[in-house]
Structures are given as structure tokens and as C-alpha cells.
């Protein structure tokens, strides 16, 4: 059993009400690299139409967990479901519902912004005319319509990240997972990315699972999962996690739970 603390709203108990699956449901997941355990009995849920922050220091296991969610790695211990679809048994349907932004840049630097988007759309079986319409609309939304024909390498880091988010949404997924999406960006670019993604939750009802080691990216209105050395230490509403740790704010709660020094977090 997990040793983590789970706090937050009570589960649905009305037998007559239809069950609403979480956006992501992870149960008893462990993963190792040889003898080293990267994740140990991880269980957590990401609610639909919510912003859930996966908070942990570098090396906590966030990227490993995202690699399992996106099937870069096979899940050998435990289960992962996306909106009720087990990724092990129904990978096509699960991944169709998922949009992904990896920590490392994954755009092709030598082709245009538009061609990057069209290529991704083709991988999802979207016809060229429809793909171009969606890509054009997406670039307008992120205020980069005037850069559609530019090579990606001519964009700034923040602009590249915005294109990656637009690309991840082209096939209209219901869940968006982002692994440290603001690392290496300046303050203005980071603010733009955070504001845009939170708008997706508010305006489109997209569920967001946002991995970060930056406490200033977590707000009191969020759900939060604290991951430390491959284990979930706590999950739930920010206020409940803070209260359970006997702390005054999320920074103090994180330090109390993990023993992490303030200098390790920003």
C-alpha cells in the first residue's frame, strides 16, 4: 500500500449517479532502472477539468511518471488509465485523449512552424485541409500567426514552447500533460505559458497535469501531488495538504514533508 497522504473532497457515494472517471488514474505504479527504484507504489488521480500540479524536486521521478503515462516506457507494475481507458490494453484510445508537452524540445528546428503542426496532425489522422484550419487557428490563439512560415529555430524558447502546446492540442485531447514546461524560460515567457494553460482549463475544460519544481507555479486553487524520491507524500487540494502538514503555505508544507532546503525550490 502507498504510504502517501491523500486529502481532498470525498468520493462520489450516490449509487444512482453515473461514475465519472478521473482524467488520469494511476494505481500502484512502480518503475526501476536496473537496481534503482525511480517510482515506488505511486497512486494518484487527476480530476477532469482541473489544474493538477505534480510538485517535486529534480530527480523526484516526475519525468519517469510522465514517460509511463505517455507509453514511452511500458507499465510493468500497477495500472494507468486515461478517462477510464487502460493504457496497457487500450493504448490507441488512451493516447488519443492525451496531449503531451515533454520537457525536452521536440519540434523539428529545420522546418516551418506550420509544417511542424501539419506533420503532427497527420500522425493523428487529421485531413490536410482540416489540419491547416486547426493549425492556423491555433497559431492565432497563441499570437504566432505571423511566424507560420518561419523555421522553428528562428523562434525564442518561449515561442517554441507555445507552439509545442498548440501542437499538443491539435487533435483536441481532453487531457494535457506537461513536464516542466517553463524550464529555461524568462519570466515574461513563463508567465505567458502558465496563463495560457490555465485558460485552457477555465475556458475549454481541459484537464491539466503540470509537473514542476517551481512553487510559484502552484496556486491555492489547484490540486497538488507531492512526489519525493519516487513516492507520493501527499495529494489533494492545496489548502488541505498545507493544513495536514501543519504549515502556513505550500512552500513550508513541502519543506516539512520532504526536508528539502528552500534553496532547492524557486
Protein backbone atom coordinates (compact mmCIF):
# COMPACT_ATOMS: atom_id res chain seq x y z
CA UNK A 1 0.00 0.00 0.00
CA UNK A 2 1.06 3.58 -0.62
CA UNK A 3 2.41 5.47 2.37
CA UNK A 4 1.30 8.81 0.89
CA UNK A 5 -1.32 11.07 2.40
CA UNK A 6 -4.42 11.61 0.31
CA UNK A 7 -6.64 14.53 1.21
CA UNK A 8 -9.40 16.38 -0.59
CA UNK A 9 -13.07 16.06 -1.49
CA UNK A 10 -14.95 12.91 -0.62
CA UNK A 11 -15.59 10.31 -3.31
CA UNK A 12 -18.98 10.05 -5.01
CA UNK A 13 -21.25 7.91 -2.83
CA UNK A 14 -24.57 8.26 -4.67
CA UNK A 15 -25.15 4.79 -6.14
CA UNK A 16 -27.60 6.22 -8.68
CA UNK A 17 -25.15 8.75 -10.10
CA UNK A 18 -23.02 7.63 -13.04
CA UNK A 19 -19.36 7.16 -12.26
CA UNK A 20 -17.16 9.92 -13.65
CA UNK A 21 -13.67 8.58 -14.37
CA UNK A 22 -10.69 10.73 -13.48
CA UNK A 23 -8.76 12.30 -16.31
CA UNK A 24 -5.80 10.19 -15.18
CA UNK A 25 -5.96 7.35 -12.67
CA UNK A 26 -2.66 5.84 -11.52
CA UNK A 27 -2.67 2.85 -9.17
CA UNK A 28 0.31 1.12 -7.56
CA UNK A 29 2.82 2.09 -10.23
CA UNK A 30 6.48 1.30 -9.67
CA UNK A 31 9.40 1.58 -12.07
CA UNK A 32 13.10 0.81 -11.81
CA UNK A 33 16.23 1.43 -13.82
CA UNK A 34 18.17 -1.69 -13.02
CA UNK A 35 18.54 -1.82 -9.24
CA UNK A 36 17.46 1.81 -8.76
CA UNK A 37 13.79 2.38 -7.96
CA UNK A 38 12.60 5.55 -9.68
CA UNK A 39 8.96 5.17 -8.62
CA UNK A 40 7.60 3.19 -5.69
CA UNK A 41 3.91 2.28 -5.43
CA UNK A 42 2.67 5.56 -6.88
CA UNK A 43 -1.08 6.13 -6.76
CA UNK A 44 -2.84 9.37 -7.67
CA UNK A 45 -5.73 10.81 -9.65
CA UNK A 46 -6.03 13.87 -11.87
CA UNK A 47 -9.57 15.24 -11.95
CA UNK A 48 -11.32 16.25 -15.13
CA UNK A 49 -11.36 19.97 -15.93
CA UNK A 50 -8.83 20.80 -13.19
CA UNK A 51 -5.26 22.05 -12.99
CA UNK A 52 -3.26 19.49 -11.01
CA UNK A 53 0.37 20.25 -10.18
CA UNK A 54 2.88 17.43 -9.75
CA UNK A 55 5.36 19.07 -7.42
CA UNK A 56 8.80 17.63 -6.75
CA UNK A 57 12.48 18.43 -6.75
CA UNK A 58 14.60 17.48 -9.72
CA UNK A 59 15.08 13.72 -9.59
CA UNK A 60 11.82 13.07 -7.75
CA UNK A 61 10.53 10.83 -10.55
CA UNK A 62 8.27 13.27 -12.40
CA UNK A 63 9.71 12.59 -15.86
CA UNK A 64 9.65 8.83 -15.29
CA UNK A 65 6.00 9.03 -14.35
CA UNK A 66 5.21 11.07 -17.45
CA UNK A 67 7.11 8.57 -19.59
CA UNK A 68 4.83 5.84 -18.27
CA UNK A 69 1.67 7.90 -18.81
CA UNK A 70 2.66 8.57 -22.42
CA UNK A 71 3.87 4.99 -23.02
CA UNK A 72 7.45 5.89 -23.72
CA UNK A 73 8.02 3.20 -21.10
CA UNK A 74 5.82 0.15 -20.54
CA UNK A 75 4.00 -0.07 -17.23
CA UNK A 76 5.18 -3.29 -15.59
CA UNK A 77 3.85 -2.73 -12.08
CA UNK A 78 0.49 -1.09 -11.48
CA UNK A 79 -2.09 0.44 -13.82
CA UNK A 80 -2.61 3.77 -15.57
CA UNK A 81 -5.92 4.85 -17.11
CA UNK A 82 -6.81 7.93 -19.15
CA UNK A 83 -10.51 8.75 -18.79
CA UNK A 84 -11.22 5.12 -17.97
CA UNK A 85 -9.09 3.63 -20.76
CA UNK A 86 -6.18 1.47 -19.53
CA UNK A 87 -3.09 2.44 -21.48
CA UNK A 88 -1.81 -1.14 -21.39
CA UNK A 89 -4.93 -2.63 -23.02
CA UNK A 90 -6.32 0.35 -24.95
CA UNK A 91 -3.25 2.41 -25.86
CA UNK A 92 -4.74 3.93 -29.00
CA UNK A 93 -7.83 5.30 -27.31
CA UNK A 94 -5.95 6.43 -24.20
CA UNK A 95 -3.30 8.30 -26.17
CA UNK A 96 -5.92 9.84 -28.46
CA UNK A 97 -7.35 11.58 -25.40
CA UNK A 98 -3.95 12.81 -24.30
CA UNK A 99 -1.92 15.85 -25.37
CA UNK A 100 1.74 15.88 -24.35
CA UNK A 101 4.42 18.54 -23.91
CA UNK A 102 7.75 17.00 -22.96
CA UNK A 103 10.46 18.79 -21.02
CA UNK A 104 12.94 18.44 -23.89
CA UNK A 105 12.15 20.34 -27.07
CA UNK A 106 10.63 18.04 -29.70
CA UNK A 107 9.93 20.39 -32.62
CA UNK A 108 11.83 19.94 -35.89
CA UNK A 109 14.01 23.05 -35.96
CA UNK A 110 14.67 22.94 -39.71
CA UNK A 111 11.11 23.08 -40.99
CA UNK A 112 8.48 25.76 -40.61
CA UNK A 113 6.17 26.23 -37.66
CA UNK A 114 3.19 25.34 -39.84
CA UNK A 115 4.82 22.17 -41.18
CA UNK A 116 5.53 21.02 -37.63
CA UNK A 117 1.85 21.34 -36.84
CA UNK A 118 0.70 19.70 -40.06
CA UNK A 119 3.00 16.74 -39.52
CA UNK A 120 1.60 16.18 -36.02
CA UNK A 121 -1.95 16.44 -37.33
CA UNK A 122 -1.19 13.83 -39.99
CA UNK A 123 0.03 11.42 -37.32
CA UNK A 124 -3.41 11.71 -35.73
CA UNK A 125 -5.20 11.06 -39.00
CA UNK A 126 -6.46 14.62 -39.47
CA UNK A 127 -7.02 15.51 -43.14
CA UNK A 128 -4.77 18.19 -44.61
CA UNK A 129 -7.48 20.81 -45.11
CA UNK A 130 -8.84 20.35 -41.59
CA UNK A 131 -5.30 20.24 -40.21
CA UNK A 132 -4.39 23.54 -41.82
CA UNK A 133 -7.55 25.16 -40.47
CA UNK A 134 -6.82 23.91 -36.96
CA UNK A 135 -3.16 24.90 -37.15
CA UNK A 136 -3.98 28.39 -38.40
CA UNK A 137 -6.50 28.88 -35.60
CA UNK A 138 -4.02 27.54 -33.04
CA UNK A 139 -1.28 29.92 -34.15
CA UNK A 140 -3.70 32.84 -33.97
CA UNK A 141 -4.63 31.83 -30.44
CA UNK A 142 -1.01 31.83 -29.30
CA UNK A 143 -0.32 35.06 -31.23
CA UNK A 144 2.19 33.49 -33.61
CA UNK A 145 0.19 33.51 -36.84
CA UNK A 146 2.78 35.80 -38.40
CA UNK A 147 5.51 33.21 -37.78
CA UNK A 148 3.79 30.28 -39.52
CA UNK A 149 6.30 30.13 -42.37
CA UNK A 150 9.39 30.73 -40.23
CA UNK A 151 11.80 27.94 -39.41
CA UNK A 152 11.31 26.89 -35.81
CA UNK A 153 14.94 27.62 -34.99
CA UNK A 154 14.20 31.32 -35.52
CA UNK A 155 11.76 31.37 -32.59
CA UNK A 156 12.60 32.18 -28.99
CA UNK A 157 12.41 29.48 -26.33
CA UNK A 158 9.06 30.77 -25.09
CA UNK A 159 7.64 30.87 -28.60
CA UNK A 160 8.78 27.30 -29.23
CA UNK A 161 7.02 26.17 -26.08
CA UNK A 162 3.81 27.89 -27.13
CA UNK A 163 3.99 26.10 -30.49
CA UNK A 164 4.50 22.77 -28.69
CA UNK A 165 1.39 23.40 -26.61
CA UNK A 166 -0.58 24.34 -29.72
CA UNK A 167 0.66 21.18 -31.43
CA UNK A 168 -0.35 19.03 -28.45
CA UNK A 169 -3.91 20.39 -28.69
CA UNK A 170 -4.42 19.96 -32.45
CA UNK A 171 -6.17 16.61 -32.12
CA UNK A 172 -8.39 18.11 -29.39
CA UNK A 173 -7.42 15.93 -26.44
CA UNK A 174 -9.29 16.14 -23.16
CA UNK A 175 -6.17 15.80 -21.03
CA UNK A 176 -2.93 17.77 -21.34
CA UNK A 177 0.26 16.67 -19.55
CA UNK A 178 3.27 18.97 -19.40
CA UNK A 179 6.67 18.06 -17.96
CA UNK A 180 8.48 21.12 -16.57
CA UNK A 181 7.21 23.28 -19.45
CA UNK A 182 8.72 26.57 -18.23
CA UNK A 183 12.27 25.39 -17.53
CA UNK A 184 14.81 27.72 -19.09
CA UNK A 185 12.30 30.43 -19.98
CA UNK A 186 12.47 34.07 -18.94
CA UNK A 187 9.92 35.46 -16.51
CA UNK A 188 7.70 37.01 -19.18
CA UNK A 189 7.62 33.84 -21.31
CA UNK A 190 6.92 31.69 -18.27
CA UNK A 191 4.01 33.91 -17.27
CA UNK A 192 2.55 33.71 -20.77
CA UNK A 193 2.73 29.91 -20.82
CA UNK A 194 1.18 29.49 -17.38
CA UNK A 195 -1.62 31.94 -18.16
CA UNK A 196 -2.37 30.23 -21.47
CA UNK A 197 -2.54 26.73 -19.99
CA UNK A 198 -4.72 27.82 -17.09
CA UNK A 199 -7.03 29.41 -19.65
CA UNK A 200 -7.42 26.02 -21.34
CA UNK A 201 -8.76 24.59 -18.09
CA UNK A 202 -11.09 27.50 -17.46
CA UNK A 203 -12.39 28.02 -20.99
CA UNK A 204 -12.29 24.53 -22.55
CA UNK A 205 -12.47 22.23 -19.56
CA UNK A 206 -9.17 20.56 -20.42
CA UNK A 207 -7.65 18.58 -17.55
CA UNK A 208 -4.03 19.64 -16.99
CA UNK A 209 -1.32 17.63 -15.23
CA UNK A 210 1.60 20.03 -14.80
CA UNK A 211 4.93 18.76 -13.48
CA UNK A 212 7.12 21.38 -11.85
CA UNK A 213 9.72 22.05 -9.17
CA UNK A 214 8.72 25.73 -9.07
CA UNK A 215 6.41 26.53 -6.18
CA UNK A 216 5.32 29.83 -7.67
CA UNK A 217 3.53 27.87 -10.41
CA UNK A 218 1.15 26.35 -7.86
CA UNK A 219 -1.85 28.42 -6.73
CA UNK A 220 -4.22 27.90 -3.77
CA UNK A 221 -6.99 26.89 -6.19
CA UNK A 222 -5.05 23.93 -7.57
CA UNK A 223 -4.94 20.27 -6.74
CA UNK A 224 -1.39 19.17 -5.94
CA UNK A 225 0.57 15.93 -5.78
CA UNK A 226 3.86 16.00 -3.85
CA UNK A 227 6.32 13.48 -5.27
CA UNK A 228 9.62 12.88 -3.47
CA UNK A 229 12.23 10.21 -4.18
CA UNK A 230 9.73 8.23 -6.21
CA UNK A 231 6.94 8.26 -3.64
CA UNK A 232 3.73 10.26 -3.35
CA UNK A 233 3.88 12.02 0.02
CA UNK A 234 0.56 13.85 -0.27
CA UNK A 235 -2.16 14.66 -2.77
CA UNK A 236 -5.30 16.74 -2.68
CA UNK A 237 -6.39 20.35 -2.54
CA UNK A 238 -3.54 22.75 -1.78
CA UNK A 239 -5.22 24.06 1.38
CA UNK A 240 -5.74 20.54 2.73
CA UNK A 241 -2.14 19.47 2.03
CA UNK A 242 -0.86 22.62 3.72
CA UNK A 243 -3.11 22.10 6.75
CA UNK A 244 -2.21 18.44 7.11
CA UNK A 245 1.48 19.35 7.13
CA UNK A 246 0.81 21.89 9.86
CA UNK A 247 2.26 24.61 7.66
CA UNK A 248 1.27 28.15 6.71
CA UNK A 249 1.76 27.82 2.95
CA UNK A 250 2.72 25.33 0.23
CA UNK A 251 6.42 26.17 0.42
CA UNK A 252 6.55 25.46 4.14
CA UNK A 253 4.45 22.32 3.69
CA UNK A 254 6.77 20.98 1.01
CA UNK A 255 9.86 21.58 3.13
CA UNK A 256 8.19 19.98 6.15
CA UNK A 257 7.27 16.86 4.17
CA UNK A 258 10.49 16.41 2.21
CA UNK A 259 13.17 18.10 4.28
CA UNK A 260 14.08 19.99 1.12
CA UNK A 261 16.09 23.14 1.64
CA UNK A 262 14.42 26.38 0.47
CA UNK A 263 17.30 26.96 -1.96
CA UNK A 264 16.30 23.83 -3.89
CA UNK A 265 12.98 25.36 -4.87
CA UNK A 266 12.12 28.62 -6.58
